[in-house]
């Protein structure tokens, strides 16, 4: 063999040994019995704790959301811890956002709103403490946050793009609908 062939063989052999060592080092066995996803019932096992995950976005029917904001219809956008809809009607486009925080509080919401420089007003929705928030200089948007129980909060934010109903009244109507469904 020539010197170049020996170097090529040595380089190829070294490469194979490296790959073999990497593959061997990355394998491992896990002890236990496999179970179908969600059958464990414990932490991470998909027990009853998270059975309604993402159904919060269905708290108010799309038709009721459209009616509350004065839109002809709404269509769903992003759904997660924050749910979004876009609506269209006689006054143009309206953006609607719903959020819920299982361990949130109105005091935390107030602090966040104050940090953003929002105008905050105490109010009540269905006899429950609530906050109404507006961005300074933005009369086309408003949010209302309230609590559905002793822990956790939810909020609705309505933003018209070119006029429409009173966004605070629309957000308050959506909050009332949410509370009526949670009672």
C-alpha atoms as a PDB file:
ATOM      1  CA  UNK A   1       0.000   0.000   0.000  1.00  0.00           C
ATOM      2  CA  UNK A   2       1.074   3.518  -0.691  1.00  0.00           C
ATOM      3  CA  UNK A   3       1.367   6.111   2.042  1.00  0.00           C
ATOM      4  CA  UNK A   4      -1.732   7.951   0.836  1.00  0.00           C
ATOM      5  CA  UNK A   5      -3.818   4.772   0.909  1.00  0.00           C
ATOM      6  CA  UNK A   6      -2.614   3.956   4.418  1.00  0.00           C
ATOM      7  CA  UNK A   7      -3.524   7.464   5.621  1.00  0.00           C
ATOM      8  CA  UNK A   8      -6.962   7.211   3.938  1.00  0.00           C
ATOM      9  CA  UNK A   9      -7.603   3.806   5.505  1.00  0.00           C
ATOM     10  CA  UNK A  10      -6.465   5.058   8.907  1.00  0.00           C
ATOM     11  CA  UNK A  11      -8.645   8.162   8.608  1.00  0.00           C
ATOM     12  CA  UNK A  12     -11.639   6.071   7.526  1.00  0.00           C
ATOM     13  CA  UNK A  13     -11.060   3.581  10.353  1.00  0.00           C
ATOM     14  CA  UNK A  14     -10.766   6.414  12.878  1.00  0.00           C
ATOM     15  CA  UNK A  15     -14.018   7.893  11.565  1.00  0.00           C
ATOM     16  CA  UNK A  16     -15.836   4.565  11.878  1.00  0.00           C
ATOM     17  CA  UNK A  17     -14.546   4.095  15.411  1.00  0.00           C
ATOM     18  CA  UNK A  18     -15.704   7.606  16.346  1.00  0.00           C
ATOM     19  CA  UNK A  19     -19.192   7.026  14.915  1.00  0.00           C
ATOM     20  CA  UNK A  20     -19.362   3.641  16.618  1.00  0.00           C
ATOM     21  CA  UNK A  21     -18.328   5.157  19.959  1.00  0.00           C
ATOM     22  CA  UNK A  22     -20.915   7.937  19.595  1.00  0.00           C
ATOM     23  CA  UNK A  23     -23.699   5.514  18.774  1.00  0.00           C
ATOM     24  CA  UNK A  24     -22.774   3.248  21.634  1.00  0.00           C
ATOM     25  CA  UNK A  25     -22.583   6.189  24.045  1.00  0.00           C
ATOM     26  CA  UNK A  26     -26.041   7.472  23.040  1.00  0.00           C
ATOM     27  CA  UNK A  27     -27.965   4.289  23.649  1.00  0.00           C
ATOM     28  CA  UNK A  28     -29.525   3.345  26.946  1.00  0.00           C
ATOM     29  CA  UNK A  29     -32.240   1.136  28.324  1.00  0.00           C
ATOM     30  CA  UNK A  30     -35.203   2.429  30.272  1.00  0.00           C
ATOM     31  CA  UNK A  31     -36.769   0.168  32.845  1.00  0.00           C
ATOM     32  CA  UNK A  32     -40.543  -0.090  33.258  1.00  0.00           C
ATOM     33  CA  UNK A  33     -43.778  -1.028  31.540  1.00  0.00           C
ATOM     34  CA  UNK A  34     -45.048   0.999  28.581  1.00  0.00           C
ATOM     35  CA  UNK A  35     -48.551   2.428  28.998  1.00  0.00           C
ATOM     36  CA  UNK A  36     -50.729   4.364  26.555  1.00  0.00           C
ATOM     37  CA  UNK A  37     -50.443   8.130  26.749  1.00  0.00           C
ATOM     38  CA  UNK A  38     -52.821   9.543  29.351  1.00  0.00           C
ATOM     39  CA  UNK A  39     -53.283   6.255  31.185  1.00  0.00           C
ATOM     40  CA  UNK A  40     -50.842   6.991  34.005  1.00  0.00           C
ATOM     41  CA  UNK A  41     -53.038   9.311  36.061  1.00  0.00           C
ATOM     42  CA  UNK A  42     -50.035  10.779  37.886  1.00  0.00           C
ATOM     43  CA  UNK A  43     -47.813  13.757  37.207  1.00  0.00           C
ATOM     44  CA  UNK A  44     -47.384  13.989  33.467  1.00  0.00           C
ATOM     45  CA  UNK A  45     -49.702  11.026  33.054  1.00  0.00           C
ATOM     46  CA  UNK A  46     -52.638  13.027  31.741  1.00  0.00           C
ATOM     47  CA  UNK A  47     -54.965  12.483  34.682  1.00  0.00           C
ATOM     48  CA  UNK A  48     -58.157  14.433  35.202  1.00  0.00           C
ATOM     49  CA  UNK A  49     -56.221  17.576  36.119  1.00  0.00           C
ATOM     50  CA  UNK A  50     -55.900  18.682  32.476  1.00  0.00           C
ATOM     51  CA  UNK A  51     -59.021  17.213  30.922  1.00  0.00           C
ATOM     52  CA  UNK A  52     -60.389  20.612  29.858  1.00  0.00           C
ATOM     53  CA  UNK A  53     -57.137  22.056  28.576  1.00  0.00           C
ATOM     54  CA  UNK A  54     -57.904  24.473  25.725  1.00  0.00           C
ATOM     55  CA  UNK A  55     -61.668  24.185  26.134  1.00  0.00           C
ATOM     56  CA  UNK A  56     -61.601  27.557  27.883  1.00  0.00           C
ATOM     57  CA  UNK A  57     -61.588  29.076  24.396  1.00  0.00           C
ATOM     58  CA  UNK A  58     -65.080  27.628  23.982  1.00  0.00           C
ATOM     59  CA  UNK A  59     -66.411  29.427  27.089  1.00  0.00           C
ATOM     60  CA  UNK A  60     -68.518  31.685  24.872  1.00  0.00           C
ATOM     61  CA  UNK A  61     -69.852  30.515  21.503  1.00  0.00           C
ATOM     62  CA  UNK A  62     -68.511  32.238  18.419  1.00  0.00           C
ATOM     63  CA  UNK A  63     -72.005  33.529  17.541  1.00  0.00           C
ATOM     64  CA  UNK A  64     -72.303  35.170  20.980  1.00  0.00           C
ATOM     65  CA  UNK A  65     -68.849  36.721  20.624  1.00  0.00           C
ATOM     66  CA  UNK A  66     -69.837  38.185  17.240  1.00  0.00           C
ATOM     67  CA  UNK A  67     -73.077  39.539  18.690  1.00  0.00           C
ATOM     68  CA  UNK A  68     -71.307  41.083  21.710  1.00  0.00           C
ATOM     69  CA  UNK A  69     -68.820  43.007  19.556  1.00  0.00           C
ATOM     70  CA  UNK A  70     -71.271  43.963  16.792  1.00  0.00           C
ATOM     71  CA  UNK A  71     -69.667  41.777  14.130  1.00  0.00           C
ATOM     72  CA  UNK A  72     -71.463  39.794  11.454  1.00  0.00           C
ATOM     73  CA  UNK A  73     -69.176  36.843  12.220  1.00  0.00           C
ATOM     74  CA  UNK A  74     -65.921  35.930  13.935  1.00  0.00           C
ATOM     75  CA  UNK A  75     -63.314  33.422  12.933  1.00  0.00           C
ATOM     76  CA  UNK A  76     -60.910  31.719  15.260  1.00  0.00           C
ATOM     77  CA  UNK A  77     -57.236  32.454  15.291  1.00  0.00           C
ATOM     78  CA  UNK A  78     -54.734  31.288  17.880  1.00  0.00           C
ATOM     79  CA  UNK A  79     -55.909  29.127  20.791  1.00  0.00           C
ATOM     80  CA  UNK A  80     -53.800  28.444  23.878  1.00  0.00           C
ATOM     81  CA  UNK A  81     -53.588  30.284  27.203  1.00  0.00           C
ATOM     82  CA  UNK A  82     -54.704  33.232  25.109  1.00  0.00           C
ATOM     83  CA  UNK A  83     -57.452  32.790  22.523  1.00  0.00           C
ATOM     84  CA  UNK A  84     -57.913  35.150  19.580  1.00  0.00           C
ATOM     85  CA  UNK A  85     -60.698  35.847  17.118  1.00  0.00           C
ATOM     86  CA  UNK A  86     -61.057  38.315  14.266  1.00  0.00           C
ATOM     87  CA  UNK A  87     -64.478  39.653  13.494  1.00  0.00           C
ATOM     88  CA  UNK A  88     -65.904  41.609  10.604  1.00  0.00           C
ATOM     89  CA  UNK A  89     -68.972  43.734  10.526  1.00  0.00           C
ATOM     90  CA  UNK A  90     -70.455  47.026   9.369  1.00  0.00           C
ATOM     91  CA  UNK A  91     -67.701  49.088  10.997  1.00  0.00           C
ATOM     92  CA  UNK A  92     -64.793  46.954   9.810  1.00  0.00           C
ATOM     93  CA  UNK A  93     -62.467  44.560  11.567  1.00  0.00           C
ATOM     94  CA  UNK A  94     -62.534  43.877  15.289  1.00  0.00           C
ATOM     95  CA  UNK A  95     -59.869  41.939  17.197  1.00  0.00           C
ATOM     96  CA  UNK A  96     -61.007  39.917  20.218  1.00  0.00           C
ATOM     97  CA  UNK A  97     -58.748  38.274  22.790  1.00  0.00           C
ATOM     98  CA  UNK A  98     -59.653  36.036  25.717  1.00  0.00           C
ATOM     99  CA  UNK A  99     -57.165  34.961  28.373  1.00  0.00           C
ATOM    100  CA  UNK A 100     -57.321  32.994  31.572  1.00  0.00           C
ATOM    101  CA  UNK A 101     -54.769  32.393  34.281  1.00  0.00           C
ATOM    102  CA  UNK A 102     -55.622  29.657  36.759  1.00  0.00           C
ATOM    103  CA  UNK A 103     -53.405  31.147  39.450  1.00  0.00           C
ATOM    104  CA  UNK A 104     -53.721  34.798  38.437  1.00  0.00           C
ATOM    105  CA  UNK A 105     -55.138  37.634  40.480  1.00  0.00           C
ATOM    106  CA  UNK A 106     -56.738  40.978  39.757  1.00  0.00           C
ATOM    107  CA  UNK A 107     -54.035  42.636  41.848  1.00  0.00           C
ATOM    108  CA  UNK A 108     -51.415  41.196  39.510  1.00  0.00           C
ATOM    109  CA  UNK A 109     -53.447  42.344  36.483  1.00  0.00           C
ATOM    110  CA  UNK A 110     -53.649  45.842  37.961  1.00  0.00           C
ATOM    111  CA  UNK A 111     -49.891  45.939  38.524  1.00  0.00           C
ATOM    112  CA  UNK A 112     -49.236  44.753  34.954  1.00  0.00           C
ATOM    113  CA  UNK A 113     -51.648  47.343  33.538  1.00  0.00           C
ATOM    114  CA  UNK A 114     -50.096  50.108  35.607  1.00  0.00           C
ATOM    115  CA  UNK A 115     -46.665  49.031  34.389  1.00  0.00           C
ATOM    116  CA  UNK A 116     -47.903  49.439  30.812  1.00  0.00           C
ATOM    117  CA  UNK A 117     -49.348  52.867  31.599  1.00  0.00           C
ATOM    118  CA  UNK A 118     -52.961  51.769  31.055  1.00  0.00           C
ATOM    119  CA  UNK A 119     -55.912  53.673  32.462  1.00  0.00           C
ATOM    120  CA  UNK A 120     -57.479  51.308  35.023  1.00  0.00           C
ATOM    121  CA  UNK A 121     -60.916  51.538  36.553  1.00  0.00           C
ATOM    122  CA  UNK A 122     -62.470  49.323  39.235  1.00  0.00           C
ATOM    123  CA  UNK A 123     -65.818  47.885  38.223  1.00  0.00           C
ATOM    124  CA  UNK A 124     -68.019  44.857  38.837  1.00  0.00           C
ATOM    125  CA  UNK A 125     -69.292  42.175  36.507  1.00  0.00           C
ATOM    126  CA  UNK A 126     -72.216  40.054  37.744  1.00  0.00           C
ATOM    127  CA  UNK A 127     -71.485  41.281  41.275  1.00  0.00           C
ATOM    128  CA  UNK A 128     -67.819  40.282  41.125  1.00  0.00           C
ATOM    129  CA  UNK A 129     -64.822  42.558  41.359  1.00  0.00           C
ATOM    130  CA  UNK A 130     -63.394  43.418  37.943  1.00  0.00           C
ATOM    131  CA  UNK A 131     -60.975  45.787  36.251  1.00  0.00           C
ATOM    132  CA  UNK A 132     -61.519  47.783  33.100  1.00  0.00           C
ATOM    133  CA  UNK A 133     -58.345  48.818  31.272  1.00  0.00           C
ATOM    134  CA  UNK A 134     -57.658  51.157  28.381  1.00  0.00           C
ATOM    135  CA  UNK A 135     -54.501  52.104  26.572  1.00  0.00           C
ATOM    136  CA  UNK A 136     -53.915  55.851  26.775  1.00  0.00           C
ATOM    137  CA  UNK A 137     -55.012  57.615  23.597  1.00  0.00           C
ATOM    138  CA  UNK A 138     -56.676  54.493  22.170  1.00  0.00           C
ATOM    139  CA  UNK A 139     -60.466  54.880  22.421  1.00  0.00           C
ATOM    140  CA  UNK A 140     -61.032  51.905  20.088  1.00  0.00           C
ATOM    141  CA  UNK A 141     -59.754  49.241  22.505  1.00  0.00           C
ATOM    142  CA  UNK A 142     -60.560  48.136  26.036  1.00  0.00           C
ATOM    143  CA  UNK A 143     -60.123  45.129  28.284  1.00  0.00           C
ATOM    144  CA  UNK A 144     -62.088  43.743  31.217  1.00  0.00           C
ATOM    145  CA  UNK A 145     -60.667  41.208  33.681  1.00  0.00           C
ATOM    146  CA  UNK A 146     -62.557  39.392  36.409  1.00  0.00           C
ATOM    147  CA  UNK A 147     -62.417  36.244  38.459  1.00  0.00           C
ATOM    148  CA  UNK A 148     -64.660  33.259  37.955  1.00  0.00           C
ATOM    149  CA  UNK A 149     -63.852  31.759  41.344  1.00  0.00           C
ATOM    150  CA  UNK A 150     -61.733  32.346  44.423  1.00  0.00           C
ATOM    151  CA  UNK A 151     -58.577  31.653  42.417  1.00  0.00           C
ATOM    152  CA  UNK A 152     -57.771  32.497  38.857  1.00  0.00           C
ATOM    153  CA  UNK A 153     -58.871  35.228  36.507  1.00  0.00           C
ATOM    154  CA  UNK A 154     -59.958  35.685  32.932  1.00  0.00           C
ATOM    155  CA  UNK A 155     -60.052  38.694  30.682  1.00  0.00           C
ATOM    156  CA  UNK A 156     -61.488  39.902  27.390  1.00  0.00           C
ATOM    157  CA  UNK A 157     -59.852  42.533  25.200  1.00  0.00           C
ATOM    158  CA  UNK A 158     -61.740  44.125  22.301  1.00  0.00           C
ATOM    159  CA  UNK A 159     -60.062  46.325  19.699  1.00  0.00           C
ATOM    160  CA  UNK A 160     -61.891  47.953  16.828  1.00  0.00           C
ATOM    161  CA  UNK A 161     -59.756  49.021  13.903  1.00  0.00           C
ATOM    162  CA  UNK A 162     -61.990  51.752  12.485  1.00  0.00           C
ATOM    163  CA  UNK A 163     -64.777  52.494  14.913  1.00  0.00           C
ATOM    164  CA  UNK A 164     -67.612  50.442  16.272  1.00  0.00           C
ATOM    165  CA  UNK A 165     -69.373  49.909  19.555  1.00  0.00           C
ATOM    166  CA  UNK A 166     -67.943  50.954  22.899  1.00  0.00           C
ATOM    167  CA  UNK A 167     -65.074  48.440  23.317  1.00  0.00           C
ATOM    168  CA  UNK A 168     -65.424  48.487  27.122  1.00  0.00           C
ATOM    169  CA  UNK A 169     -69.102  47.576  26.917  1.00  0.00           C
ATOM    170  CA  UNK A 170     -68.313  44.795  24.429  1.00  0.00           C
ATOM    171  CA  UNK A 171     -65.578  43.404  26.720  1.00  0.00           C
ATOM    172  CA  UNK A 172     -67.904  43.660  29.741  1.00  0.00           C
ATOM    173  CA  UNK A 173     -70.645  41.807  27.833  1.00  0.00           C
ATOM    174  CA  UNK A 174     -68.204  39.010  27.020  1.00  0.00           C
ATOM    175  CA  UNK A 175     -67.138  38.883  30.691  1.00  0.00           C
ATOM    176  CA  UNK A 176     -70.808  38.642  31.765  1.00  0.00           C
ATOM    177  CA  UNK A 177     -71.382  35.804  29.307  1.00  0.00           C
ATOM    178  CA  UNK A 178     -68.297  34.005  30.656  1.00  0.00           C
ATOM    179  CA  UNK A 179     -69.416  34.376  34.276  1.00  0.00           C
ATOM    180  CA  UNK A 180     -72.953  33.262  33.481  1.00  0.00           C
ATOM    181  CA  UNK A 181     -71.568  30.081  31.958  1.00  0.00           C
ATOM    182  CA  UNK A 182     -69.256  29.400  34.908  1.00  0.00           C
ATOM    183  CA  UNK A 183     -71.936  29.677  37.598  1.00  0.00           C
END
